[in-house]
């Protein structure tokens, strides 16, 4: 009996996981952005505060919110 053990998930599963992670990151960024706008107003909101709370880079902020 030849049993194959997959160490990597199929591309469709991995793609779905990445898609879910992107959606979750985008949602967290949106939620934190709204909180900051409410707390500080648009003009006083700093991207660094949002990215620090969400745990992403400034580049990721622009990719998701761009």
C-alpha atoms as a PDB file:
ATOM      1  CA  UNK A   1       0.000   0.000   0.000  1.00  0.00           C
ATOM      2  CA  UNK A   2       1.458   3.319  -1.085  1.00  0.00           C
ATOM      3  CA  UNK A   3       0.306   6.137   1.186  1.00  0.00           C
ATOM      4  CA  UNK A   4       1.068   9.691   0.245  1.00  0.00           C
ATOM      5  CA  UNK A   5       1.245  12.319   2.960  1.00  0.00           C
ATOM      6  CA  UNK A   6       0.640  15.835   1.763  1.00  0.00           C
ATOM      7  CA  UNK A   7       2.801  18.399   3.511  1.00  0.00           C
ATOM      8  CA  UNK A   8       1.271  21.353   1.709  1.00  0.00           C
ATOM      9  CA  UNK A   9      -2.443  21.925   1.269  1.00  0.00           C
ATOM     10  CA  UNK A  10      -3.812  21.962  -2.255  1.00  0.00           C
ATOM     11  CA  UNK A  11      -3.571  25.335  -3.964  1.00  0.00           C
ATOM     12  CA  UNK A  12      -7.315  25.910  -3.707  1.00  0.00           C
ATOM     13  CA  UNK A  13      -7.286  25.463   0.065  1.00  0.00           C
ATOM     14  CA  UNK A  14      -4.196  27.629   0.500  1.00  0.00           C
ATOM     15  CA  UNK A  15      -5.735  30.260  -1.780  1.00  0.00           C
ATOM     16  CA  UNK A  16      -8.933  30.273   0.249  1.00  0.00           C
ATOM     17  CA  UNK A  17      -6.934  30.656   3.457  1.00  0.00           C
ATOM     18  CA  UNK A  18      -4.992  33.617   2.035  1.00  0.00           C
ATOM     19  CA  UNK A  19      -8.215  35.152   0.806  1.00  0.00           C
ATOM     20  CA  UNK A  20      -9.748  34.799   4.265  1.00  0.00           C
ATOM     21  CA  UNK A  21      -6.630  36.319   5.872  1.00  0.00           C
ATOM     22  CA  UNK A  22      -6.755  39.279   3.472  1.00  0.00           C
ATOM     23  CA  UNK A  23     -10.418  39.842   4.270  1.00  0.00           C
ATOM     24  CA  UNK A  24      -9.756  39.648   8.012  1.00  0.00           C
ATOM     25  CA  UNK A  25      -6.855  42.120   7.775  1.00  0.00           C
ATOM     26  CA  UNK A  26      -8.925  44.507   5.684  1.00  0.00           C
ATOM     27  CA  UNK A  27     -11.783  44.306   8.215  1.00  0.00           C
ATOM     28  CA  UNK A  28      -9.446  44.945  11.170  1.00  0.00           C
ATOM     29  CA  UNK A  29      -7.896  47.924   9.367  1.00  0.00           C
ATOM     30  CA  UNK A  30     -11.329  49.319   8.594  1.00  0.00           C
ATOM     31  CA  UNK A  31     -12.534  48.892  12.181  1.00  0.00           C
ATOM     32  CA  UNK A  32      -9.442  50.566  13.653  1.00  0.00           C
ATOM     33  CA  UNK A  33      -9.625  53.380  11.117  1.00  0.00           C
ATOM     34  CA  UNK A  34     -13.239  54.110  12.036  1.00  0.00           C
ATOM     35  CA  UNK A  35     -12.353  54.048  15.756  1.00  0.00           C
ATOM     36  CA  UNK A  36      -9.535  56.541  15.168  1.00  0.00           C
ATOM     37  CA  UNK A  37     -11.727  58.822  13.056  1.00  0.00           C
ATOM     38  CA  UNK A  38     -14.345  58.855  15.805  1.00  0.00           C
ATOM     39  CA  UNK A  39     -11.792  59.432  18.557  1.00  0.00           C
ATOM     40  CA  UNK A  40      -9.486  61.962  16.869  1.00  0.00           C
ATOM     41  CA  UNK A  41     -11.224  63.148  13.739  1.00  0.00           C
ATOM     42  CA  UNK A  42     -10.035  62.701  10.190  1.00  0.00           C
ATOM     43  CA  UNK A  43      -7.299  65.340  10.238  1.00  0.00           C
ATOM     44  CA  UNK A  44      -5.680  64.070  13.453  1.00  0.00           C
ATOM     45  CA  UNK A  45      -5.749  60.354  12.625  1.00  0.00           C
ATOM     46  CA  UNK A  46      -2.294  58.817  12.155  1.00  0.00           C
ATOM     47  CA  UNK A  47      -1.725  55.763  10.001  1.00  0.00           C
ATOM     48  CA  UNK A  48       1.042  54.580  12.315  1.00  0.00           C
ATOM     49  CA  UNK A  49      -1.411  54.260  15.210  1.00  0.00           C
ATOM     50  CA  UNK A  50      -3.767  52.166  13.110  1.00  0.00           C
ATOM     51  CA  UNK A  51      -1.055  49.894  11.703  1.00  0.00           C
ATOM     52  CA  UNK A  52       0.479  49.371  15.141  1.00  0.00           C
ATOM     53  CA  UNK A  53      -2.873  48.318  16.631  1.00  0.00           C
ATOM     54  CA  UNK A  54      -3.618  45.947  13.762  1.00  0.00           C
ATOM     55  CA  UNK A  55      -0.055  44.629  13.595  1.00  0.00           C
ATOM     56  CA  UNK A  56       0.660  45.363   9.938  1.00  0.00           C
ATOM     57  CA  UNK A  57       3.135  47.544   8.091  1.00  0.00           C
ATOM     58  CA  UNK A  58       2.368  50.916   6.551  1.00  0.00           C
ATOM     59  CA  UNK A  59       2.717  49.260   3.141  1.00  0.00           C
ATOM     60  CA  UNK A  60       0.079  46.690   4.052  1.00  0.00           C
ATOM     61  CA  UNK A  61      -2.205  49.539   5.102  1.00  0.00           C
ATOM     62  CA  UNK A  62      -1.947  51.068   1.635  1.00  0.00           C
ATOM     63  CA  UNK A  63      -2.389  47.713  -0.095  1.00  0.00           C
ATOM     64  CA  UNK A  64      -5.609  47.047   1.805  1.00  0.00           C
ATOM     65  CA  UNK A  65      -6.948  50.579   2.086  1.00  0.00           C
ATOM     66  CA  UNK A  66      -5.150  52.203  -0.850  1.00  0.00           C
END
